[in-house]
Amino acid sequence: MIDPELLPILCCPETHQPLAEAAPEVVARLNQQIAAGQTRNRAGTLVAEPIDGGLVRADGKYLYPVRQAIPILLIDEALPLS
């Protein structure tokens, strides 16, 4: 999903931790929660659109969504994984 040459230079905009591509199971679980209206981003906004993929912060607390092959690296758009 993400260009392998780009991934090593991407980092969390908040903590600067490295990011890794989310496992397909994580993306599928989040999309199920989004479809059920159970997912809010860090800004507290209900997420209505499914994600195509995601980048997980090294500590595993947040996922930055990927839509149409574009990573959305905005702190408020991060999805909590807990």
PDB file of N, CA and C in Angstrom:
ATOM      1  N   MET A   1       0.822  -1.189   0.000  1.00  0.00           N
ATOM      2  CA  MET A   1       0.000   0.000   0.000  1.00  0.00           C
ATOM      3  C   MET A   1       0.867   1.254   0.000  1.00  0.00           C
ATOM      4  N   ILE A   2       1.777   1.382   0.949  1.00  0.00           N
ATOM      5  CA  ILE A   2       2.668   2.533   1.011  1.00  0.00           C
ATOM      6  C   ILE A   2       3.969   2.166   0.305  1.00  0.00           C
ATOM      7  N   ASP A   3       4.494   3.107  -0.452  1.00  0.00           N
ATOM      8  CA  ASP A   3       5.759   2.890  -1.156  1.00  0.00           C
ATOM      9  C   ASP A   3       6.832   2.475  -0.147  1.00  0.00           C
ATOM     10  N   PRO A   4       7.485   1.330  -0.355  1.00  0.00           N
ATOM     11  CA  PRO A   4       8.493   0.848   0.599  1.00  0.00           C
ATOM     12  C   PRO A   4       9.647   1.829   0.821  1.00  0.00           C
ATOM     13  N   GLU A   5       9.919   2.674  -0.153  1.00  0.00           N
ATOM     14  CA  GLU A   5      10.989   3.668   0.018  1.00  0.00           C
ATOM     15  C   GLU A   5      10.523   4.848   0.868  1.00  0.00           C
ATOM     16  N   LEU A   6       9.229   5.092   0.902  1.00  0.00           N
ATOM     17  CA  LEU A   6       8.676   6.202   1.671  1.00  0.00           C
ATOM     18  C   LEU A   6       8.489   5.841   3.146  1.00  0.00           C
ATOM     19  N   LEU A   7       8.118   4.615   3.419  1.00  0.00           N
ATOM     20  CA  LEU A   7       7.792   4.192   4.780  1.00  0.00           C
ATOM     21  C   LEU A   7       8.883   4.511   5.814  1.00  0.00           C
ATOM     22  N   PRO A   8      10.164   4.282   5.545  1.00  0.00           N
ATOM     23  CA  PRO A   8      11.187   4.553   6.568  1.00  0.00           C
ATOM     24  C   PRO A   8      11.313   6.029   6.964  1.00  0.00           C
ATOM     25  N   ILE A   9      10.849   6.937   6.121  1.00  0.00           N
ATOM     26  CA  ILE A   9      10.989   8.350   6.478  1.00  0.00           C
ATOM     27  C   ILE A   9       9.725   8.931   7.121  1.00  0.00           C
ATOM     28  N   LEU A  10       8.648   8.152   7.128  1.00  0.00           N
ATOM     29  CA  LEU A  10       7.413   8.621   7.761  1.00  0.00           C
ATOM     30  C   LEU A  10       7.493   8.414   9.267  1.00  0.00           C
ATOM     31  N   CYS A  11       6.946   9.369  10.019  1.00  0.00           N
ATOM     32  CA  CYS A  11       6.917   9.226  11.469  1.00  0.00           C
ATOM     33  C   CYS A  11       5.654   9.886  12.009  1.00  0.00           C
ATOM     34  N   CYS A  12       5.341   9.564  13.238  1.00  0.00           N
ATOM     35  CA  CYS A  12       4.185  10.144  13.910  1.00  0.00           C
ATOM     36  C   CYS A  12       4.414  11.652  14.043  1.00  0.00           C
ATOM     37  N   PRO A  13       3.440  12.468  13.635  1.00  0.00           N
ATOM     38  CA  PRO A  13       3.627  13.913  13.738  1.00  0.00           C
ATOM     39  C   PRO A  13       3.626  14.425  15.186  1.00  0.00           C
ATOM     40  N   GLU A  14       3.129  13.620  16.094  1.00  0.00           N
ATOM     41  CA  GLU A  14       3.067  14.025  17.505  1.00  0.00           C
ATOM     42  C   GLU A  14       4.334  13.637  18.257  1.00  0.00           C
ATOM     43  N   THR A  15       4.727  12.364  18.167  1.00  0.00           N
ATOM     44  CA  THR A  15       5.838  11.851  18.975  1.00  0.00           C
ATOM     45  C   THR A  15       7.099  11.565  18.176  1.00  0.00           C
ATOM     46  N   HIS A  16       6.982  11.593  16.870  1.00  0.00           N
ATOM     47  CA  HIS A  16       8.084  11.280  15.943  1.00  0.00           C
ATOM     48  C   HIS A  16       8.524   9.825  16.008  1.00  0.00           C
ATOM     49  N   GLN A  17       7.655   8.954  16.561  1.00  0.00           N
ATOM     50  CA  GLN A  17       7.934   7.521  16.558  1.00  0.00           C
ATOM     51  C   GLN A  17       7.809   7.002  15.131  1.00  0.00           C
ATOM     52  N   PRO A  18       8.537   5.944  14.809  1.00  0.00           N
ATOM     53  CA  PRO A  18       8.387   5.332  13.481  1.00  0.00           C
ATOM     54  C   PRO A  18       6.986   4.763  13.304  1.00  0.00           C
ATOM     55  N   LEU A  19       6.582   4.631  12.052  1.00  0.00           N
ATOM     56  CA  LEU A  19       5.284   4.067  11.705  1.00  0.00           C
ATOM     57  C   LEU A  19       5.493   2.789  10.906  1.00  0.00           C
ATOM     58  N   ALA A  20       4.575   1.854  11.069  1.00  0.00           N
ATOM     59  CA  ALA A  20       4.611   0.599  10.317  1.00  0.00           C
ATOM     60  C   ALA A  20       3.227   0.359   9.729  1.00  0.00           C
ATOM     61  N   GLU A  21       3.191  -0.341   8.611  1.00  0.00           N
ATOM     62  CA  GLU A  21       1.894  -0.643   8.001  1.00  0.00           C
ATOM     63  C   GLU A  21       1.073  -1.533   8.928  1.00  0.00           C
ATOM     64  N   ALA A  22      -0.197  -1.225   9.015  1.00  0.00           N
ATOM     65  CA  ALA A  22      -1.111  -2.013   9.850  1.00  0.00           C
ATOM     66  C   ALA A  22      -1.388  -3.354   9.190  1.00  0.00           C
ATOM     67  N   ALA A  23      -1.535  -4.368  10.004  1.00  0.00           N
ATOM     68  CA  ALA A  23      -1.901  -5.693   9.508  1.00  0.00           C
ATOM     69  C   ALA A  23      -3.306  -5.635   8.918  1.00  0.00           C
ATOM     70  N   PRO A  24      -3.575  -6.430   7.895  1.00  0.00           N
ATOM     71  CA  PRO A  24      -4.912  -6.435   7.285  1.00  0.00           C
ATOM     72  C   PRO A  24      -6.027  -6.710   8.291  1.00  0.00           C
ATOM     73  N   GLU A  25      -5.741  -7.529   9.316  1.00  0.00           N
ATOM     74  CA  GLU A  25      -6.757  -7.831  10.320  1.00  0.00           C
ATOM     75  C   GLU A  25      -7.135  -6.587  11.122  1.00  0.00           C
ATOM     76  N   VAL A  26      -6.155  -5.741  11.389  1.00  0.00           N
ATOM     77  CA  VAL A  26      -6.407  -4.509  12.146  1.00  0.00           C
ATOM     78  C   VAL A  26      -7.278  -3.573  11.314  1.00  0.00           C
ATOM     79  N   VAL A  27      -6.953  -3.444  10.040  1.00  0.00           N
ATOM     80  CA  VAL A  27      -7.732  -2.582   9.141  1.00  0.00           C
ATOM     81  C   VAL A  27      -9.158  -3.111   9.016  1.00  0.00           C
ATOM     82  N   ALA A  28      -9.311  -4.417   8.876  1.00  0.00           N
ATOM     83  CA  ALA A  28     -10.647  -5.016   8.755  1.00  0.00           C
ATOM     84  C   ALA A  28     -11.463  -4.779  10.024  1.00  0.00           C
ATOM     85  N   ARG A  29     -10.841  -4.947  11.193  1.00  0.00           N
ATOM     86  CA  ARG A  29     -11.543  -4.723  12.465  1.00  0.00           C
ATOM     87  C   ARG A  29     -11.995  -3.273  12.588  1.00  0.00           C
ATOM     88  N   LEU A  30     -11.095  -2.340  12.247  1.00  0.00           N
ATOM     89  CA  LEU A  30     -11.464  -0.928  12.316  1.00  0.00           C
ATOM     90  C   LEU A  30     -12.587  -0.601  11.335  1.00  0.00           C
ATOM     91  N   ASN A  31     -12.540  -1.164  10.143  1.00  0.00           N
ATOM     92  CA  ASN A  31     -13.605  -0.904   9.173  1.00  0.00           C
ATOM     93  C   ASN A  31     -14.949  -1.450   9.642  1.00  0.00           C
ATOM     94  N   GLN A  32     -14.936  -2.565  10.355  1.00  0.00           N
ATOM     95  CA  GLN A  32     -16.180  -3.089  10.937  1.00  0.00           C
ATOM     96  C   GLN A  32     -16.721  -2.127  11.985  1.00  0.00           C
ATOM     97  N   GLN A  33     -15.828  -1.602  12.812  1.00  0.00           N
ATOM     98  CA  GLN A  33     -16.237  -0.650  13.844  1.00  0.00           C
ATOM     99  C   GLN A  33     -16.734   0.657  13.219  1.00  0.00           C
ATOM    100  N   ILE A  34     -16.075   1.102  12.146  1.00  0.00           N
ATOM    101  CA  ILE A  34     -16.506   2.311  11.445  1.00  0.00           C
ATOM    102  C   ILE A  34     -17.906   2.105  10.875  1.00  0.00           C
ATOM    103  N   ALA A  35     -18.145   0.961  10.241  1.00  0.00           N
ATOM    104  CA  ALA A  35     -19.448   0.660   9.654  1.00  0.00           C
ATOM    105  C   ALA A  35     -20.547   0.611  10.718  1.00  0.00           C
ATOM    106  N   ALA A  36     -20.183   0.200  11.927  1.00  0.00           N
ATOM    107  CA  ALA A  36     -21.148   0.118  13.024  1.00  0.00           C
ATOM    108  C   ALA A  36     -21.301   1.447  13.761  1.00  0.00           C
ATOM    109  N   GLY A  37     -20.561   2.471  13.326  1.00  0.00           N
ATOM    110  CA  GLY A  37     -20.653   3.777  13.968  1.00  0.00           C
ATOM    111  C   GLY A  37     -20.017   3.835  15.342  1.00  0.00           C
ATOM    112  N   GLN A  38     -18.954   3.039  15.532  1.00  0.00           N
ATOM    113  CA  GLN A  38     -18.324   2.925  16.848  1.00  0.00           C
ATOM    114  C   GLN A  38     -16.928   3.522  16.929  1.00  0.00           C
ATOM    115  N   THR A  39     -16.491   4.229  15.901  1.00  0.00           N
ATOM    116  CA  THR A  39     -15.111   4.710  15.895  1.00  0.00           C
ATOM    117  C   THR A  39     -15.060   6.227  15.823  1.00  0.00           C
ATOM    118  N   ARG A  40     -14.309   6.798  16.749  1.00  0.00           N
ATOM    119  CA  ARG A  40     -14.067   8.240  16.747  1.00  0.00           C
ATOM    120  C   ARG A  40     -12.562   8.459  16.641  1.00  0.00           C
ATOM    121  N   ASN A  41     -12.183   9.524  15.938  1.00  0.00           N
ATOM    122  CA  ASN A  41     -10.764   9.850  15.844  1.00  0.00           C
ATOM    123  C   ASN A  41     -10.351  10.641  17.084  1.00  0.00           C
ATOM    124  N   ARG A  42      -9.094  11.052  17.142  1.00  0.00           N
ATOM    125  CA  ARG A  42      -8.593  11.748  18.338  1.00  0.00           C
ATOM    126  C   ARG A  42      -9.295  13.074  18.575  1.00  0.00           C
ATOM    127  N   ALA A  43      -9.842  13.673  17.546  1.00  0.00           N
ATOM    128  CA  ALA A  43     -10.574  14.929  17.695  1.00  0.00           C
ATOM    129  C   ALA A  43     -11.970  14.685  18.259  1.00  0.00           C
ATOM    130  N   GLY A  44     -12.385  13.419  18.344  1.00  0.00           N
ATOM    131  CA  GLY A  44     -13.702  13.081  18.852  1.00  0.00           C
ATOM    132  C   GLY A  44     -14.775  13.016  17.786  1.00  0.00           C
ATOM    133  N   THR A  45     -14.372  13.153  16.529  1.00  0.00           N
ATOM    134  CA  THR A  45     -15.314  13.111  15.416  1.00  0.00           C
ATOM    135  C   THR A  45     -15.598  11.663  15.024  1.00  0.00           C
ATOM    136  N   LEU A  46     -16.858  11.351  14.827  1.00  0.00           N
ATOM    137  CA  LEU A  46     -17.240  10.018  14.383  1.00  0.00           C
ATOM    138  C   LEU A  46     -16.688   9.785  12.979  1.00  0.00           C
ATOM    139  N   VAL A  47     -15.996   8.677  12.790  1.00  0.00           N
ATOM    140  CA  VAL A  47     -15.415   8.341  11.486  1.00  0.00           C
ATOM    141  C   VAL A  47     -16.495   7.664  10.658  1.00  0.00           C
ATOM    142  N   ALA A  48     -16.766   8.215   9.467  1.00  0.00           N
ATOM    143  CA  ALA A  48     -17.834   7.692   8.619  1.00  0.00           C
ATOM    144  C   ALA A  48     -17.318   6.927   7.411  1.00  0.00           C
ATOM    145  N   GLU A  49     -16.109   7.239   6.954  1.00  0.00           N
ATOM    146  CA  GLU A  49     -15.557   6.598   5.759  1.00  0.00           C
ATOM    147  C   GLU A  49     -14.632   5.447   6.136  1.00  0.00           C
ATOM    148  N   PRO A  50     -14.742   4.313   5.452  1.00  0.00           N
ATOM    149  CA  PRO A  50     -13.800   3.218   5.719  1.00  0.00           C
ATOM    150  C   PRO A  50     -12.392   3.617   5.304  1.00  0.00           C
ATOM    151  N   ILE A  51     -11.425   2.920   5.859  1.00  0.00           N
ATOM    152  CA  ILE A  51     -10.032   3.192   5.521  1.00  0.00           C
ATOM    153  C   ILE A  51      -9.519   2.104   4.590  1.00  0.00           C
ATOM    154  N   ASP A  52      -8.548   2.475   3.755  1.00  0.00           N
ATOM    155  CA  ASP A  52      -7.936   1.521   2.828  1.00  0.00           C
ATOM    156  C   ASP A  52      -6.764   0.793   3.464  1.00  0.00           C
ATOM    157  N   GLY A  53      -6.203   1.401   4.489  1.00  0.00           N
ATOM    158  CA  GLY A  53      -5.048   0.849   5.177  1.00  0.00           C
ATOM    159  C   GLY A  53      -4.728   1.757   6.341  1.00  0.00           C
ATOM    160  N   GLY A  54      -3.581   1.535   6.959  1.00  0.00           N
ATOM    161  CA  GLY A  54      -3.212   2.379   8.086  1.00  0.00           C
ATOM    162  C   GLY A  54      -1.745   2.240   8.435  1.00  0.00           C
ATOM    163  N   LEU A  55      -1.262   3.245   9.140  1.00  0.00           N
ATOM    164  CA  LEU A  55       0.099   3.248   9.652  1.00  0.00           C
ATOM    165  C   LEU A  55       0.015   3.311  11.167  1.00  0.00           C
ATOM    166  N   VAL A  56       0.605   2.328  11.815  1.00  0.00           N
ATOM    167  CA  VAL A  56       0.537   2.203  13.269  1.00  0.00           C
ATOM    168  C   VAL A  56       1.790   2.794  13.891  1.00  0.00           C
ATOM    169  N   ARG A  57       1.567   3.606  14.914  1.00  0.00           N
ATOM    170  CA  ARG A  57       2.673   4.191  15.663  1.00  0.00           C
ATOM    171  C   ARG A  57       3.430   3.082  16.391  1.00  0.00           C
ATOM    172  N   ALA A  58       4.721   3.265  16.614  1.00  0.00           N
ATOM    173  CA  ALA A  58       5.566   2.226  17.213  1.00  0.00           C
ATOM    174  C   ALA A  58       5.052   1.735  18.560  1.00  0.00           C
ATOM    175  N   ASP A  59       4.410   2.606  19.342  1.00  0.00           N
ATOM    176  CA  ASP A  59       3.899   2.156  20.636  1.00  0.00           C
ATOM    177  C   ASP A  59       2.555   1.439  20.517  1.00  0.00           C
ATOM    178  N   GLY A  60       1.987   1.383  19.311  1.00  0.00           N
ATOM    179  CA  GLY A  60       0.757   0.649  19.064  1.00  0.00           C
ATOM    180  C   GLY A  60      -0.509   1.320  19.557  1.00  0.00           C
ATOM    181  N   LYS A  61      -0.431   2.573  19.987  1.00  0.00           N
ATOM    182  CA  LYS A  61      -1.610   3.244  20.545  1.00  0.00           C
ATOM    183  C   LYS A  61      -2.524   3.845  19.476  1.00  0.00           C
ATOM    184  N   TYR A  62      -1.965   4.284  18.357  1.00  0.00           N
ATOM    185  CA  TYR A  62      -2.755   4.967  17.337  1.00  0.00           C
ATOM    186  C   TYR A  62      -2.426   4.473  15.942  1.00  0.00           C
ATOM    187  N   LEU A  63      -3.427   4.581  15.086  1.00  0.00           N
ATOM    188  CA  LEU A  63      -3.280   4.253  13.675  1.00  0.00           C
ATOM    189  C   LEU A  63      -3.635   5.502  12.874  1.00  0.00           C
ATOM    190  N   TYR A  64      -2.769   5.858  11.944  1.00  0.00           N
ATOM    191  CA  TYR A  64      -3.053   6.955  11.018  1.00  0.00           C
ATOM    192  C   TYR A  64      -3.666   6.327   9.776  1.00  0.00           C
ATOM    193  N   PRO A  65      -4.852   6.768   9.389  1.00  0.00           N
ATOM    194  CA  PRO A  65      -5.536   6.131   8.258  1.00  0.00           C
ATOM    195  C   PRO A  65      -4.859   6.415   6.921  1.00  0.00           C
ATOM    196  N   VAL A  66      -5.029   5.474   6.008  1.00  0.00           N
ATOM    197  CA  VAL A  66      -4.587   5.640   4.621  1.00  0.00           C
ATOM    198  C   VAL A  66      -5.848   5.552   3.771  1.00  0.00           C
ATOM    199  N   ARG A  67      -6.052   6.585   2.955  1.00  0.00           N
ATOM    200  CA  ARG A  67      -7.204   6.618   2.049  1.00  0.00           C
ATOM    201  C   ARG A  67      -6.706   6.953   0.660  1.00  0.00           C
ATOM    202  N   GLN A  68      -7.098   6.154  -0.308  1.00  0.00           N
ATOM    203  CA  GLN A  68      -6.696   6.329  -1.706  1.00  0.00           C
ATOM    204  C   GLN A  68      -5.170   6.432  -1.816  1.00  0.00           C
ATOM    205  N   ALA A  69      -4.472   5.569  -1.077  1.00  0.00           N
ATOM    206  CA  ALA A  69      -3.007   5.456  -1.063  1.00  0.00           C
ATOM    207  C   ALA A  69      -2.312   6.683  -0.482  1.00  0.00           C
ATOM    208  N   ILE A  70      -3.055   7.528   0.236  1.00  0.00           N
ATOM    209  CA  ILE A  70      -2.467   8.719   0.849  1.00  0.00           C
ATOM    210  C   ILE A  70      -2.567   8.594   2.370  1.00  0.00           C
ATOM    211  N   PRO A  71      -1.407   8.588   3.066  1.00  0.00           N
ATOM    212  CA  PRO A  71      -1.456   8.533   4.525  1.00  0.00           C
ATOM    213  C   PRO A  71      -1.921   9.879   5.081  1.00  0.00           C
ATOM    214  N   ILE A  72      -2.867   9.844   6.004  1.00  0.00           N
ATOM    215  CA  ILE A  72      -3.397  11.043   6.629  1.00  0.00           C
ATOM    216  C   ILE A  72      -2.671  11.220   7.968  1.00  0.00           C
ATOM    217  N   LEU A  73      -1.578  11.962   7.942  1.00  0.00           N
ATOM    218  CA  LEU A  73      -0.724  12.093   9.121  1.00  0.00           C
ATOM    219  C   LEU A  73      -1.059  13.361   9.905  1.00  0.00           C
ATOM    220  N   LEU A  74      -2.307  13.475  10.293  1.00  0.00           N
ATOM    221  CA  LEU A  74      -2.768  14.574  11.141  1.00  0.00           C
ATOM    222  C   LEU A  74      -3.115  14.000  12.492  1.00  0.00           C
ATOM    223  N   ILE A  75      -2.636  14.636  13.555  1.00  0.00           N
ATOM    224  CA  ILE A  75      -2.840  14.111  14.915  1.00  0.00           C
ATOM    225  C   ILE A  75      -4.318  13.877  15.191  1.00  0.00           C
ATOM    226  N   ASP A  76      -5.168  14.825  14.828  1.00  0.00           N
ATOM    227  CA  ASP A  76      -6.607  14.697  15.111  1.00  0.00           C
ATOM    228  C   ASP A  76      -7.284  13.577  14.328  1.00  0.00           C
ATOM    229  N   GLU A  77      -6.687  13.133  13.233  1.00  0.00           N
ATOM    230  CA  GLU A  77      -7.275  12.071  12.413  1.00  0.00           C
ATOM    231  C   GLU A  77      -6.855  10.681  12.866  1.00  0.00           C
ATOM    232  N   ALA A  78      -5.914  10.580  13.791  1.00  0.00           N
ATOM    233  CA  ALA A  78      -5.443   9.277  14.280  1.00  0.00           C
ATOM    234  C   ALA A  78      -6.586   8.517  14.950  1.00  0.00           C
ATOM    235  N   LEU A  79      -6.582   7.212  14.768  1.00  0.00           N
ATOM    236  CA  LEU A  79      -7.606   6.350  15.355  1.00  0.00           C
ATOM    237  C   LEU A  79      -6.998   5.568  16.514  1.00  0.00           C
ATOM    238  N   PRO A  80      -7.604   5.642  17.699  1.00  0.00           N
ATOM    239  CA  PRO A  80      -7.062   4.876  18.835  1.00  0.00           C
ATOM    240  C   PRO A  80      -7.231   3.380  18.607  1.00  0.00           C
ATOM    241  N   LEU A  81      -6.232   2.620  19.008  1.00  0.00           N
ATOM    242  CA  LEU A  81      -6.272   1.161  18.830  1.00  0.00           C
ATOM    243  C   LEU A  81      -6.620   0.424  20.113  1.00  0.00           C
ATOM    244  N   SER A  82      -6.837   1.135  21.196  1.00  0.00           N
ATOM    245  CA  SER A  82      -7.165   0.439  22.451  1.00  0.00           C
ATOM    246  C   SER A  82      -8.658   0.322  22.637  1.00  0.00           C
TER     247      SER A  82
END
